[in-house]
């Protein structure tokens, strides 16, 4: 069954595509809730810096089944890192996500 669902070589799996779509949704939610007065590029820079800073804490909380933070901003950061295995997206990628441009 898994072999049938698999795409052509070089294509992303449906699980990866779903994780990226969810990450993009979380990025937009974080930008709208925490940085509403900033331009898109400033939002991308702030989100990148937040993710880079939080990634050191995430190392200690990544094994948690559920996020232990009460703060909404930190919960969103935790979820984003959890979806992509701790990868912090670049400012350029975040800018593209906020502009609703996809590179898939």
Protein backbone atom coordinates (compact mmCIF):
# COMPACT_ATOMS: atom_id res chain seq x y z
CA UNK A 1 0.00 0.00 0.00
CA UNK A 2 2.73 2.46 0.98
CA UNK A 3 4.52 1.73 -2.29
CA UNK A 4 1.35 2.70 -4.20
CA UNK A 5 1.06 6.02 -2.33
CA UNK A 6 4.66 6.88 -2.96
CA UNK A 7 5.25 9.51 -5.58
CA UNK A 8 7.95 9.73 -8.18
CA UNK A 9 11.57 10.07 -7.09
CA UNK A 10 12.31 13.61 -5.95
CA UNK A 11 8.71 14.34 -4.99
CA UNK A 12 7.64 15.03 -1.45
CA UNK A 13 5.47 12.49 0.33
CA UNK A 14 1.92 13.33 1.30
CA UNK A 15 2.98 13.34 4.98
CA UNK A 16 5.69 15.92 4.26
CA UNK A 17 3.30 18.07 2.26
CA UNK A 18 0.76 17.98 5.10
CA UNK A 19 3.44 18.92 7.67
CA UNK A 20 4.60 21.85 5.53
CA UNK A 21 1.03 23.08 5.05
CA UNK A 22 0.44 22.93 8.81
CA UNK A 23 3.73 24.74 9.49
CA UNK A 24 2.73 27.46 7.02
CA UNK A 25 -0.63 27.85 8.77
CA UNK A 26 1.11 28.16 12.14
CA UNK A 27 3.55 30.77 10.76
CA UNK A 28 0.65 32.88 9.50
CA UNK A 29 -1.19 32.49 12.81
CA UNK A 30 1.90 33.57 14.78
CA UNK A 31 2.44 36.58 12.52
CA UNK A 32 -1.18 37.68 12.81
CA UNK A 33 -1.38 37.23 16.58
CA UNK A 34 2.05 38.44 17.73
CA UNK A 35 3.23 40.88 15.05
CA UNK A 36 0.11 42.48 13.55
CA UNK A 37 1.59 45.98 13.07
CA UNK A 38 4.74 44.90 11.25
CA UNK A 39 5.33 44.56 7.52
CA UNK A 40 5.64 41.04 6.12
CA UNK A 41 9.45 41.04 6.05
CA UNK A 42 9.70 42.30 9.64
CA UNK A 43 7.28 39.56 10.70
CA UNK A 44 9.48 36.97 8.96
CA UNK A 45 12.61 38.29 10.69
CA UNK A 46 10.93 38.29 14.12
CA UNK A 47 9.54 34.77 13.64
CA UNK A 48 12.92 33.48 12.48
CA UNK A 49 14.65 35.06 15.49
CA UNK A 50 11.99 33.67 17.85
CA UNK A 51 12.37 30.17 16.39
CA UNK A 52 16.17 30.32 16.53
CA UNK A 53 16.07 31.49 20.16
CA UNK A 54 13.40 28.97 21.17
CA UNK A 55 15.16 26.05 19.46
CA UNK A 56 17.62 25.83 22.38
CA UNK A 57 14.68 25.33 24.78
CA UNK A 58 12.93 23.01 22.35
CA UNK A 59 15.82 20.55 22.70
CA UNK A 60 14.62 19.93 26.26
CA UNK A 61 10.90 19.74 25.38
CA UNK A 62 10.94 17.95 22.01
CA UNK A 63 10.23 14.54 23.54
CA UNK A 64 7.02 15.80 25.17
CA UNK A 65 3.84 14.34 23.70
CA UNK A 66 2.08 17.65 24.34
CA UNK A 67 3.46 21.15 24.66
CA UNK A 68 4.01 22.12 28.28
CA UNK A 69 3.94 25.89 27.69
CA UNK A 70 0.93 27.98 28.64
CA UNK A 71 2.03 30.96 26.54
CA UNK A 72 0.34 30.91 23.11
CA UNK A 73 3.43 32.24 21.30
CA UNK A 74 5.70 29.55 22.72
CA UNK A 75 3.10 26.86 21.97
CA UNK A 76 3.08 27.92 18.30
CA UNK A 77 6.88 27.91 18.18
CA UNK A 78 6.96 24.44 19.76
CA UNK A 79 4.44 23.12 17.24
CA UNK A 80 6.39 24.54 14.28
CA UNK A 81 9.63 22.95 15.43
CA UNK A 82 7.88 19.68 16.22
CA UNK A 83 6.44 19.43 12.71
CA UNK A 84 9.82 19.78 11.00
CA UNK A 85 12.14 18.05 13.47
CA UNK A 86 13.66 21.20 14.92
CA UNK A 87 14.45 22.84 11.59
CA UNK A 88 14.34 26.66 11.76
CA UNK A 89 13.19 28.03 8.39
CA UNK A 90 15.10 30.90 6.81
CA UNK A 91 13.79 34.46 6.74
CA UNK A 92 13.31 34.15 2.98
CA UNK A 93 11.17 31.03 3.32
CA UNK A 94 9.09 32.63 6.08
CA UNK A 95 8.65 35.72 3.90
CA UNK A 96 7.37 33.49 1.08
CA UNK A 97 4.99 31.70 3.46
CA UNK A 98 3.59 35.01 4.70
CA UNK A 99 3.16 36.19 1.12
CA UNK A 100 1.33 32.92 0.34
CA UNK A 101 3.97 32.00 -2.25
CA UNK A 102 4.84 28.34 -2.38
CA UNK A 103 7.97 26.69 -3.71
CA UNK A 104 6.63 23.16 -3.78
